[in-house]
Amino acid sequence: TNVIQKVPVPSVIQTASGLVRGFVHVRQNERLKDELENDERFLAVTDATVSSPAGEVIFSGPFMVVQKEQIVWIMPLADEQTGNSNS
């Protein structure tokens, strides 16, 4: 199979049941929006932390997938080193 180069984008994802923080991996020269619009049903997140609506951490792990249908909104975070955001 072909290896697809992806860039980790620090992101916050609001789902129906909680808030996910971590890195969404986006193909080079594409936007986070492009990753959401592809045909895959799930979005991979690395270094993921899930918080309840009350702000309590309920899961933390190196990898998780989020079903795209459960995403209410998603936001790329500013790159702490450069001050840029990848949208």
N, C-alpha and C. Protein backbone atom coordinates (compact mmCIF):
# COMPACT_ATOMS: atom_id res chain seq x y z
N THR A 1 0.83 -1.19 0.00
CA THR A 1 0.00 0.00 0.00
C THR A 1 0.87 1.25 0.00
N ASN A 2 0.31 2.34 -0.46
CA ASN A 2 1.03 3.61 -0.46
C ASN A 2 1.00 4.24 0.92
N VAL A 3 2.11 4.85 1.30
CA VAL A 3 2.18 5.57 2.57
C VAL A 3 1.81 7.02 2.28
N ILE A 4 0.85 7.52 3.04
CA ILE A 4 0.39 8.89 2.86
C ILE A 4 0.98 9.74 3.97
N GLN A 5 1.72 10.77 3.61
CA GLN A 5 2.32 11.67 4.59
C GLN A 5 1.23 12.57 5.18
N LYS A 6 1.19 12.64 6.50
CA LYS A 6 0.21 13.50 7.17
C LYS A 6 0.92 14.37 8.19
N VAL A 7 0.30 15.50 8.47
CA VAL A 7 0.82 16.47 9.42
C VAL A 7 -0.09 16.49 10.64
N PRO A 8 0.46 16.36 11.87
CA PRO A 8 -0.40 16.42 13.05
C PRO A 8 -0.84 17.86 13.32
N VAL A 9 -2.15 18.04 13.48
CA VAL A 9 -2.72 19.36 13.76
C VAL A 9 -3.34 19.31 15.17
N PRO A 10 -2.80 20.08 16.12
CA PRO A 10 -3.43 20.10 17.45
C PRO A 10 -4.85 20.64 17.32
N SER A 11 -5.81 19.90 17.90
CA SER A 11 -7.21 20.24 17.68
C SER A 11 -8.05 19.98 18.93
N VAL A 12 -9.21 20.64 18.96
CA VAL A 12 -10.24 20.40 19.97
C VAL A 12 -11.49 19.97 19.21
N ILE A 13 -12.10 18.87 19.66
CA ILE A 13 -13.29 18.33 19.00
C ILE A 13 -14.41 18.24 20.03
N GLN A 14 -15.52 18.90 19.75
CA GLN A 14 -16.70 18.78 20.61
C GLN A 14 -17.59 17.69 20.05
N THR A 15 -17.90 16.70 20.89
CA THR A 15 -18.83 15.65 20.49
C THR A 15 -20.11 15.82 21.30
N ALA A 16 -21.08 14.98 21.03
CA ALA A 16 -22.34 15.05 21.77
C ALA A 16 -22.14 14.77 23.25
N SER A 17 -21.08 14.02 23.60
CA SER A 17 -20.92 13.62 25.00
C SER A 17 -19.69 14.17 25.70
N GLY A 18 -18.82 14.90 25.00
CA GLY A 18 -17.63 15.41 25.66
C GLY A 18 -16.73 16.19 24.73
N LEU A 19 -15.59 16.57 25.27
CA LEU A 19 -14.61 17.37 24.53
C LEU A 19 -13.35 16.55 24.36
N VAL A 20 -12.86 16.46 23.12
CA VAL A 20 -11.65 15.69 22.80
C VAL A 20 -10.55 16.67 22.41
N ARG A 21 -9.39 16.52 23.02
CA ARG A 21 -8.21 17.30 22.65
C ARG A 21 -7.14 16.33 22.20
N GLY A 22 -6.44 16.68 21.14
CA GLY A 22 -5.37 15.83 20.64
C GLY A 22 -4.92 16.28 19.27
N PHE A 23 -4.26 15.39 18.56
CA PHE A 23 -3.74 15.70 17.23
C PHE A 23 -4.53 14.95 16.16
N VAL A 24 -5.08 15.69 15.23
CA VAL A 24 -5.74 15.12 14.06
C VAL A 24 -4.71 15.17 12.94
N HIS A 25 -4.53 14.07 12.23
CA HIS A 25 -3.50 13.99 11.20
C HIS A 25 -4.11 14.28 9.82
N VAL A 26 -3.59 15.33 9.20
CA VAL A 26 -4.13 15.84 7.94
C VAL A 26 -3.09 15.66 6.85
N ARG A 27 -3.54 15.28 5.66
CA ARG A 27 -2.61 15.12 4.53
C ARG A 27 -1.89 16.43 4.25
N GLN A 28 -0.63 16.32 3.85
CA GLN A 28 0.15 17.52 3.55
C GLN A 28 -0.57 18.36 2.51
N ASN A 29 -0.51 19.68 2.70
CA ASN A 29 -1.12 20.66 1.79
C ASN A 29 -2.64 20.59 1.77
N GLU A 30 -3.25 19.98 2.78
CA GLU A 30 -4.71 19.97 2.90
C GLU A 30 -5.11 20.60 4.22
N ARG A 31 -6.41 20.86 4.35
CA ARG A 31 -6.95 21.50 5.54
C ARG A 31 -7.64 20.47 6.43
N LEU A 32 -7.87 20.86 7.66
CA LEU A 32 -8.63 20.01 8.58
C LEU A 32 -10.00 19.71 7.99
N LYS A 33 -10.60 20.70 7.37
CA LYS A 33 -11.90 20.54 6.72
C LYS A 33 -11.87 19.44 5.66
N ASP A 34 -10.78 19.37 4.90
CA ASP A 34 -10.64 18.33 3.87
C ASP A 34 -10.64 16.94 4.49
N GLU A 35 -10.00 16.80 5.64
CA GLU A 35 -9.96 15.51 6.33
C GLU A 35 -11.36 15.10 6.78
N LEU A 36 -12.17 16.07 7.18
CA LEU A 36 -13.54 15.78 7.61
C LEU A 36 -14.43 15.39 6.44
N GLU A 37 -14.13 15.89 5.26
CA GLU A 37 -14.98 15.64 4.10
C GLU A 37 -14.63 14.38 3.32
N ASN A 38 -13.55 13.67 3.70
CA ASN A 38 -13.24 12.44 2.96
C ASN A 38 -14.25 11.34 3.32
N ASP A 39 -14.18 10.22 2.65
CA ASP A 39 -15.19 9.17 2.78
C ASP A 39 -15.06 8.30 4.04
N GLU A 40 -14.00 8.48 4.81
CA GLU A 40 -13.83 7.67 6.01
C GLU A 40 -14.84 8.07 7.08
N ARG A 41 -15.37 7.08 7.81
CA ARG A 41 -16.40 7.35 8.82
C ARG A 41 -15.81 7.81 10.15
N PHE A 42 -14.52 7.54 10.36
CA PHE A 42 -13.89 7.86 11.63
C PHE A 42 -12.71 8.80 11.43
N LEU A 43 -12.43 9.59 12.46
CA LEU A 43 -11.32 10.52 12.46
C LEU A 43 -10.34 10.05 13.53
N ALA A 44 -9.10 9.79 13.13
CA ALA A 44 -8.08 9.35 14.08
C ALA A 44 -7.54 10.54 14.87
N VAL A 45 -7.36 10.33 16.18
CA VAL A 45 -6.81 11.36 17.06
C VAL A 45 -5.71 10.70 17.89
N THR A 46 -4.52 11.32 17.92
CA THR A 46 -3.43 10.81 18.74
C THR A 46 -3.24 11.72 19.94
N ASP A 47 -2.58 11.19 20.98
CA ASP A 47 -2.39 11.91 22.24
C ASP A 47 -3.71 12.52 22.70
N ALA A 48 -4.74 11.68 22.74
CA ALA A 48 -6.10 12.14 22.98
C ALA A 48 -6.44 12.21 24.47
N THR A 49 -7.18 13.25 24.81
CA THR A 49 -7.76 13.41 26.14
C THR A 49 -9.23 13.75 25.96
N VAL A 50 -10.09 13.01 26.65
CA VAL A 50 -11.54 13.25 26.58
C VAL A 50 -12.00 13.78 27.92
N SER A 51 -12.72 14.89 27.87
CA SER A 51 -13.26 15.50 29.09
C SER A 51 -14.78 15.46 29.06
N SER A 52 -15.37 15.29 30.22
CA SER A 52 -16.83 15.31 30.36
C SER A 52 -17.32 16.74 30.22
N PRO A 53 -18.64 16.95 30.09
CA PRO A 53 -19.16 18.32 30.05
C PRO A 53 -18.78 19.15 31.29
N ALA A 54 -18.51 18.48 32.42
CA ALA A 54 -18.11 19.17 33.64
C ALA A 54 -16.61 19.50 33.66
N GLY A 55 -15.87 19.04 32.64
CA GLY A 55 -14.45 19.32 32.56
C GLY A 55 -13.56 18.25 33.18
N GLU A 56 -14.14 17.16 33.65
CA GLU A 56 -13.40 16.07 34.26
C GLU A 56 -12.81 15.16 33.18
N VAL A 57 -11.51 14.83 33.27
CA VAL A 57 -10.88 13.95 32.30
C VAL A 57 -11.40 12.53 32.52
N ILE A 58 -12.00 11.96 31.46
CA ILE A 58 -12.56 10.61 31.59
C ILE A 58 -11.79 9.58 30.78
N PHE A 59 -10.89 10.05 29.89
CA PHE A 59 -10.05 9.14 29.11
C PHE A 59 -8.84 9.89 28.63
N SER A 60 -7.71 9.21 28.62
CA SER A 60 -6.49 9.76 28.06
C SER A 60 -5.71 8.60 27.48
N GLY A 61 -5.26 8.74 26.24
CA GLY A 61 -4.53 7.65 25.63
C GLY A 61 -3.79 8.08 24.39
N PRO A 62 -2.92 7.21 23.88
CA PRO A 62 -2.10 7.57 22.72
C PRO A 62 -2.87 7.60 21.40
N PHE A 63 -4.03 6.92 21.33
CA PHE A 63 -4.76 6.85 20.08
C PHE A 63 -6.23 6.58 20.35
N MET A 64 -7.09 7.24 19.58
CA MET A 64 -8.51 6.92 19.60
C MET A 64 -9.10 7.34 18.26
N VAL A 65 -10.27 6.85 17.95
CA VAL A 65 -10.98 7.29 16.76
C VAL A 65 -12.31 7.88 17.20
N VAL A 66 -12.73 8.91 16.48
CA VAL A 66 -14.00 9.57 16.76
C VAL A 66 -14.89 9.38 15.53
N GLN A 67 -16.09 8.91 15.75
CA GLN A 67 -17.03 8.76 14.65
C GLN A 67 -17.43 10.16 14.17
N LYS A 68 -17.23 10.43 12.91
CA LYS A 68 -17.48 11.77 12.37
C LYS A 68 -18.91 12.24 12.61
N GLU A 69 -19.87 11.33 12.61
CA GLU A 69 -21.27 11.71 12.84
C GLU A 69 -21.48 12.29 14.24
N GLN A 70 -20.57 12.00 15.18
CA GLN A 70 -20.70 12.48 16.56
C GLN A 70 -20.07 13.85 16.78
N ILE A 71 -19.37 14.38 15.75
CA ILE A 71 -18.69 15.66 15.90
C ILE A 71 -19.69 16.81 15.76
N VAL A 72 -19.75 17.66 16.79
CA VAL A 72 -20.58 18.86 16.77
C VAL A 72 -19.79 20.00 16.14
N TRP A 73 -18.55 20.18 16.60
CA TRP A 73 -17.63 21.15 16.01
C TRP A 73 -16.20 20.71 16.25
N ILE A 74 -15.30 21.25 15.45
CA ILE A 74 -13.87 20.96 15.58
C ILE A 74 -13.10 22.24 15.30
N MET A 75 -12.02 22.43 16.04
CA MET A 75 -11.24 23.65 15.90
C MET A 75 -9.76 23.33 16.00
N PRO A 76 -8.98 23.78 15.02
CA PRO A 76 -7.52 23.62 15.16
C PRO A 76 -7.02 24.62 16.20
N LEU A 77 -6.04 24.20 16.98
CA LEU A 77 -5.44 25.09 17.96
C LEU A 77 -4.22 25.76 17.35
N ALA A 78 -3.90 26.95 17.82
CA ALA A 78 -2.70 27.64 17.35
C ALA A 78 -1.48 26.81 17.69
N ASP A 79 -0.54 26.75 16.77
CA ASP A 79 0.72 26.05 16.99
C ASP A 79 1.50 26.86 18.03
N GLU A 80 1.76 26.26 19.15
CA GLU A 80 2.41 26.98 20.26
C GLU A 80 3.77 27.54 19.88
N GLN A 81 4.47 26.90 18.95
CA GLN A 81 5.81 27.35 18.59
C GLN A 81 5.77 28.49 17.59
N THR A 82 4.83 28.46 16.64
CA THR A 82 4.84 29.46 15.59
C THR A 82 3.72 30.49 15.73
N GLY A 83 2.71 30.16 16.54
CA GLY A 83 1.57 31.06 16.67
C GLY A 83 0.59 30.91 15.53
N ASN A 84 0.81 29.96 14.62
CA ASN A 84 -0.08 29.73 13.48
C ASN A 84 -1.06 28.63 13.79
N SER A 85 -2.17 28.61 13.06
CA SER A 85 -3.10 27.50 13.15
C SER A 85 -3.22 26.89 11.79
N ASN A 86 -3.44 25.58 11.75
CA ASN A 86 -3.60 24.87 10.47
C ASN A 86 -5.07 24.59 10.29
N SER A 87 -5.71 25.30 9.43
CA SER A 87 -7.13 25.08 9.20
C SER A 87 -7.30 24.65 7.78
